[in-house]
Amino acid sequence: MRILVPALLAAASSLTHAQGWQLVWSDEFNGSIGPNWVFETGAGGWGNNELQYYRRENATIENNALVITAKRENFGGAAYTSARMKT
């Protein structure tokens, strides 16, 4: 009981803080990946020596959710592929 009460108080406190947030941007992915998203493709390392090759084909929409799939496959000189996007 000593642990339960502080945990409940902490949870109630975090709910109070969350109510003060205001949503400023969202994308529901209802249909296709829209023009707000830009794909970055290739194996440029992107500043942190990443080993995967980024491909558009690794990003899909399933059940109104964005799905980015990493695969172990040889492509463009890399042993892995994934997707990289920005808004």
C-alpha atoms as a PDB file:
ATOM      1  CA  MET A   1       0.000   0.000   0.000  1.00  0.00           C
ATOM      2  CA  ARG A   2       2.904   2.365   0.692  1.00  0.00           C
ATOM      3  CA  ILE A   3       4.024   2.093  -2.932  1.00  0.00           C
ATOM      4  CA  LEU A   4       0.544   2.184  -4.453  1.00  0.00           C
ATOM      5  CA  VAL A   5      -0.530   5.554  -3.037  1.00  0.00           C
ATOM      6  CA  PRO A   6       2.522   7.523  -4.261  1.00  0.00           C
ATOM      7  CA  ALA A   7       2.223   5.815  -7.650  1.00  0.00           C
ATOM      8  CA  LEU A   8      -1.430   6.832  -7.942  1.00  0.00           C
ATOM      9  CA  LEU A   9      -0.620  10.403  -6.920  1.00  0.00           C
ATOM     10  CA  ALA A  10       2.156  10.586  -9.504  1.00  0.00           C
ATOM     11  CA  ALA A  11      -0.170   9.261 -12.210  1.00  0.00           C
ATOM     12  CA  ALA A  12      -2.867  11.803 -11.325  1.00  0.00           C
ATOM     13  CA  SER A  13      -0.293  14.590 -11.385  1.00  0.00           C
ATOM     14  CA  SER A  14       0.933  13.602 -14.855  1.00  0.00           C
ATOM     15  CA  LEU A  15      -2.646  13.579 -16.172  1.00  0.00           C
ATOM     16  CA  THR A  16      -3.102  17.143 -14.955  1.00  0.00           C
ATOM     17  CA  HIS A  17       0.041  18.259 -16.792  1.00  0.00           C
ATOM     18  CA  ALA A  18      -0.944  16.416 -19.991  1.00  0.00           C
ATOM     19  CA  GLN A  19      -4.226  18.319 -20.175  1.00  0.00           C
ATOM     20  CA  GLY A  20      -2.272  21.546 -20.633  1.00  0.00           C
ATOM     21  CA  TRP A  21      -0.748  20.402 -23.947  1.00  0.00           C
ATOM     22  CA  GLN A  22      -2.087  21.646 -27.268  1.00  0.00           C
ATOM     23  CA  LEU A  23      -1.724  19.609 -30.465  1.00  0.00           C
ATOM     24  CA  VAL A  24       0.021  21.704 -33.115  1.00  0.00           C
ATOM     25  CA  TRP A  25       0.514  19.140 -35.917  1.00  0.00           C
ATOM     26  CA  SER A  26      -0.609  15.624 -36.796  1.00  0.00           C
ATOM     27  CA  ASP A  27      -0.917  13.277 -39.736  1.00  0.00           C
ATOM     28  CA  GLU A  28      -3.449  10.491 -39.561  1.00  0.00           C
ATOM     29  CA  PHE A  29      -2.151   8.655 -42.662  1.00  0.00           C
ATOM     30  CA  ASN A  30      -5.649   7.971 -43.922  1.00  0.00           C
ATOM     31  CA  GLY A  31      -4.971   6.894 -47.472  1.00  0.00           C
ATOM     32  CA  SER A  32      -1.490   7.557 -48.774  1.00  0.00           C
ATOM     33  CA  ILE A  33       1.670   9.262 -47.607  1.00  0.00           C
ATOM     34  CA  GLY A  34       0.901  12.865 -48.432  1.00  0.00           C
ATOM     35  CA  PRO A  35       2.932  15.775 -49.739  1.00  0.00           C
ATOM     36  CA  ASN A  36       3.903  16.869 -46.200  1.00  0.00           C
ATOM     37  CA  TRP A  37       6.480  14.063 -46.152  1.00  0.00           C
ATOM     38  CA  VAL A  38       9.745  14.120 -48.099  1.00  0.00           C
ATOM     39  CA  PHE A  39      11.697  10.909 -48.579  1.00  0.00           C
ATOM     40  CA  GLU A  40      15.460  10.959 -48.280  1.00  0.00           C
ATOM     41  CA  THR A  41      16.913   8.060 -50.240  1.00  0.00           C
ATOM     42  CA  GLY A  42      20.356   6.575 -50.613  1.00  0.00           C
ATOM     43  CA  ALA A  43      23.195   5.431 -48.398  1.00  0.00           C
ATOM     44  CA  GLY A  44      24.835   8.732 -47.554  1.00  0.00           C
ATOM     45  CA  GLY A  45      25.591   7.902 -43.912  1.00  0.00           C
ATOM     46  CA  TRP A  46      23.584  11.001 -42.883  1.00  0.00           C
ATOM     47  CA  GLY A  47      26.236  12.257 -40.484  1.00  0.00           C
ATOM     48  CA  ASN A  48      26.337   9.217 -38.205  1.00  0.00           C
ATOM     49  CA  ASN A  49      27.737   6.536 -40.515  1.00  0.00           C
ATOM     50  CA  GLU A  50      24.417   4.723 -40.856  1.00  0.00           C
ATOM     51  CA  LEU A  51      24.790   1.420 -42.657  1.00  0.00           C
ATOM     52  CA  GLN A  52      21.385   1.099 -44.320  1.00  0.00           C
ATOM     53  CA  TYR A  53      20.208   2.237 -47.725  1.00  0.00           C
ATOM     54  CA  TYR A  54      17.060   4.340 -47.451  1.00  0.00           C
ATOM     55  CA  ARG A  55      14.301   3.468 -49.928  1.00  0.00           C
ATOM     56  CA  ARG A  56      10.803   4.810 -50.517  1.00  0.00           C
ATOM     57  CA  GLU A  57       9.532   1.223 -50.809  1.00  0.00           C
ATOM     58  CA  ASN A  58      10.226   0.550 -47.121  1.00  0.00           C
ATOM     59  CA  ALA A  59       7.488   2.961 -45.978  1.00  0.00           C
ATOM     60  CA  THR A  60       3.829   1.974 -46.233  1.00  0.00           C
ATOM     61  CA  ILE A  61       0.466   2.840 -44.720  1.00  0.00           C
ATOM     62  CA  GLU A  62      -1.321   0.031 -42.875  1.00  0.00           C
ATOM     63  CA  ASN A  63      -4.513   0.533 -40.846  1.00  0.00           C
ATOM     64  CA  ASN A  64      -4.077   4.334 -40.928  1.00  0.00           C
ATOM     65  CA  ALA A  65      -0.570   4.081 -39.477  1.00  0.00           C
ATOM     66  CA  LEU A  66       2.824   4.764 -41.005  1.00  0.00           C
ATOM     67  CA  VAL A  67       4.935   1.598 -41.100  1.00  0.00           C
ATOM     68  CA  ILE A  68       8.684   1.844 -41.729  1.00  0.00           C
ATOM     69  CA  THR A  69      10.213  -1.577 -42.332  1.00  0.00           C
ATOM     70  CA  ALA A  70      13.911  -2.306 -41.910  1.00  0.00           C
ATOM     71  CA  LYS A  71      15.105  -5.270 -43.943  1.00  0.00           C
ATOM     72  CA  ARG A  72      18.291  -7.280 -44.077  1.00  0.00           C
ATOM     73  CA  GLU A  73      18.870  -7.204 -47.828  1.00  0.00           C
ATOM     74  CA  ASN A  74      21.727  -6.172 -50.074  1.00  0.00           C
ATOM     75  CA  PHE A  75      20.847  -3.012 -51.960  1.00  0.00           C
ATOM     76  CA  GLY A  76      23.004  -0.227 -53.323  1.00  0.00           C
ATOM     77  CA  GLY A  77      26.114  -1.523 -51.581  1.00  0.00           C
ATOM     78  CA  ALA A  78      24.438  -1.707 -48.151  1.00  0.00           C
ATOM     79  CA  ALA A  79      23.431  -4.832 -46.208  1.00  0.00           C
ATOM     80  CA  TYR A  80      20.213  -3.269 -44.850  1.00  0.00           C
ATOM     81  CA  THR A  81      17.384  -1.096 -46.146  1.00  0.00           C
ATOM     82  CA  SER A  82      14.923   1.155 -44.356  1.00  0.00           C
ATOM     83  CA  ALA A  83      13.039   4.403 -44.985  1.00  0.00           C
ATOM     84  CA  ARG A  84      13.882   7.954 -43.986  1.00  0.00           C
ATOM     85  CA  MET A  85      11.361  10.787 -44.101  1.00  0.00           C
ATOM     86  CA  LYS A  86      11.037  14.347 -42.924  1.00  0.00           C
ATOM     87  CA  THR A  87       8.297  16.934 -42.886  1.00  0.00           C
END
